[in-house]
């Protein structure tokens, strides 16, 4: 599923290639932070009363998969309901 036109995507990659390596790294770090913030917001929206360790476990599940999250947080229920 695409939400960006081919032309816009090509332009985006062109701009990334034009950046210095440190700037590309900074862009990647910012994008990763935004993805993590969105995942956390989704978890908190589904369960506003979840304690911080449960939020971390559920974010890990969304980002890295439930198998990894269960290894890191074996005592946390990953789903809401």
C-alpha atoms as a PDB file:
ATOM      1  CA  UNK A   1       0.000   0.000   0.000  1.00  0.00           C
ATOM      2  CA  UNK A   2       1.442   3.358  -1.007  1.00  0.00           C
ATOM      3  CA  UNK A   3       0.457   6.782   0.175  1.00  0.00           C
ATOM      4  CA  UNK A   4       3.171   8.584  -1.817  1.00  0.00           C
ATOM      5  CA  UNK A   5       3.406   9.059  -5.559  1.00  0.00           C
ATOM      6  CA  UNK A   6       6.351   7.538  -7.375  1.00  0.00           C
ATOM      7  CA  UNK A   7       7.604  11.018  -8.275  1.00  0.00           C
ATOM      8  CA  UNK A   8       7.452  12.227  -4.676  1.00  0.00           C
ATOM      9  CA  UNK A   9       9.206   9.114  -3.429  1.00  0.00           C
ATOM     10  CA  UNK A  10      11.994   9.521  -5.984  1.00  0.00           C
ATOM     11  CA  UNK A  11      12.418  13.159  -4.927  1.00  0.00           C
ATOM     12  CA  UNK A  12      12.559  12.131  -1.275  1.00  0.00           C
ATOM     13  CA  UNK A  13      15.349   9.633  -1.981  1.00  0.00           C
ATOM     14  CA  UNK A  14      17.161  12.222  -4.083  1.00  0.00           C
ATOM     15  CA  UNK A  15      17.093  14.653  -1.156  1.00  0.00           C
ATOM     16  CA  UNK A  16      18.302  11.958   1.227  1.00  0.00           C
ATOM     17  CA  UNK A  17      21.217  11.073  -1.067  1.00  0.00           C
ATOM     18  CA  UNK A  18      22.167  14.751  -1.220  1.00  0.00           C
ATOM     19  CA  UNK A  19      22.531  14.925   2.569  1.00  0.00           C
ATOM     20  CA  UNK A  20      25.818  14.405   4.333  1.00  0.00           C
ATOM     21  CA  UNK A  21      26.082  11.045   6.156  1.00  0.00           C
ATOM     22  CA  UNK A  22      25.604  12.684   9.563  1.00  0.00           C
ATOM     23  CA  UNK A  23      22.454  14.419   8.341  1.00  0.00           C
ATOM     24  CA  UNK A  24      21.087  11.129   6.971  1.00  0.00           C
ATOM     25  CA  UNK A  25      21.768   9.502  10.319  1.00  0.00           C
ATOM     26  CA  UNK A  26      19.974  12.345  12.127  1.00  0.00           C
ATOM     27  CA  UNK A  27      16.994  11.938   9.781  1.00  0.00           C
ATOM     28  CA  UNK A  28      16.866   8.200  10.469  1.00  0.00           C
ATOM     29  CA  UNK A  29      17.019   8.764  14.225  1.00  0.00           C
ATOM     30  CA  UNK A  30      14.186  11.324  14.057  1.00  0.00           C
ATOM     31  CA  UNK A  31      12.042   8.977  11.967  1.00  0.00           C
ATOM     32  CA  UNK A  32      12.693   6.116  14.397  1.00  0.00           C
ATOM     33  CA  UNK A  33      11.683   8.330  17.306  1.00  0.00           C
ATOM     34  CA  UNK A  34       8.466   9.314  15.568  1.00  0.00           C
ATOM     35  CA  UNK A  35       7.602   5.668  14.864  1.00  0.00           C
ATOM     36  CA  UNK A  36       8.207   4.798  18.523  1.00  0.00           C
ATOM     37  CA  UNK A  37       6.074   7.757  19.687  1.00  0.00           C
ATOM     38  CA  UNK A  38       3.229   6.694  17.377  1.00  0.00           C
ATOM     39  CA  UNK A  39       3.417   3.107  18.621  1.00  0.00           C
ATOM     40  CA  UNK A  40       3.362   4.297  22.231  1.00  0.00           C
ATOM     41  CA  UNK A  41       0.410   6.589  21.545  1.00  0.00           C
ATOM     42  CA  UNK A  42      -1.488   3.669  20.024  1.00  0.00           C
ATOM     43  CA  UNK A  43      -0.785   1.490  23.062  1.00  0.00           C
ATOM     44  CA  UNK A  44      -1.829   4.240  25.464  1.00  0.00           C
ATOM     45  CA  UNK A  45      -4.962   4.913  23.446  1.00  0.00           C
ATOM     46  CA  UNK A  46      -5.991   1.263  23.660  1.00  0.00           C
ATOM     47  CA  UNK A  47      -5.218   1.029  27.391  1.00  0.00           C
ATOM     48  CA  UNK A  48      -4.854   4.469  29.032  1.00  0.00           C
ATOM     49  CA  UNK A  49      -4.284   2.950  32.498  1.00  0.00           C
ATOM     50  CA  UNK A  50      -1.454   0.627  31.465  1.00  0.00           C
ATOM     51  CA  UNK A  51       1.616   0.990  33.687  1.00  0.00           C
ATOM     52  CA  UNK A  52       4.887   2.063  32.038  1.00  0.00           C
ATOM     53  CA  UNK A  53       6.398  -1.463  31.900  1.00  0.00           C
ATOM     54  CA  UNK A  54       3.296  -2.757  30.110  1.00  0.00           C
ATOM     55  CA  UNK A  55       3.444   0.127  27.627  1.00  0.00           C
ATOM     56  CA  UNK A  56       7.127  -0.667  26.952  1.00  0.00           C
ATOM     57  CA  UNK A  57       6.301  -4.353  26.412  1.00  0.00           C
ATOM     58  CA  UNK A  58       3.454  -3.597  24.025  1.00  0.00           C
ATOM     59  CA  UNK A  59       5.543  -1.078  22.096  1.00  0.00           C
ATOM     60  CA  UNK A  60       8.277  -3.718  21.797  1.00  0.00           C
ATOM     61  CA  UNK A  61       5.663  -6.140  20.480  1.00  0.00           C
ATOM     62  CA  UNK A  62       4.523  -3.669  17.829  1.00  0.00           C
ATOM     63  CA  UNK A  63       8.035  -2.733  16.759  1.00  0.00           C
ATOM     64  CA  UNK A  64       9.897  -6.035  17.042  1.00  0.00           C
ATOM     65  CA  UNK A  65       7.143  -8.666  17.136  1.00  0.00           C
ATOM     66  CA  UNK A  66       5.466 -10.565  19.957  1.00  0.00           C
ATOM     67  CA  UNK A  67       8.152 -13.266  20.145  1.00  0.00           C
ATOM     68  CA  UNK A  68      10.830 -10.719  21.038  1.00  0.00           C
ATOM     69  CA  UNK A  69       8.522  -8.825  23.397  1.00  0.00           C
ATOM     70  CA  UNK A  70       7.620 -12.035  25.247  1.00  0.00           C
ATOM     71  CA  UNK A  71      11.306 -12.833  25.718  1.00  0.00           C
ATOM     72  CA  UNK A  72      11.983  -9.341  27.063  1.00  0.00           C
ATOM     73  CA  UNK A  73       8.781  -9.034  29.109  1.00  0.00           C
ATOM     74  CA  UNK A  74       7.671 -12.610  29.947  1.00  0.00           C
ATOM     75  CA  UNK A  75       5.170 -11.611  32.635  1.00  0.00           C
ATOM     76  CA  UNK A  76       3.322  -8.940  30.627  1.00  0.00           C
ATOM     77  CA  UNK A  77       0.047  -9.567  28.816  1.00  0.00           C
ATOM     78  CA  UNK A  78       0.740  -8.136  25.371  1.00  0.00           C
ATOM     79  CA  UNK A  79      -2.828  -7.831  24.135  1.00  0.00           C
ATOM     80  CA  UNK A  80      -5.589  -5.638  25.491  1.00  0.00           C
ATOM     81  CA  UNK A  81      -8.989  -7.010  26.248  1.00  0.00           C
END
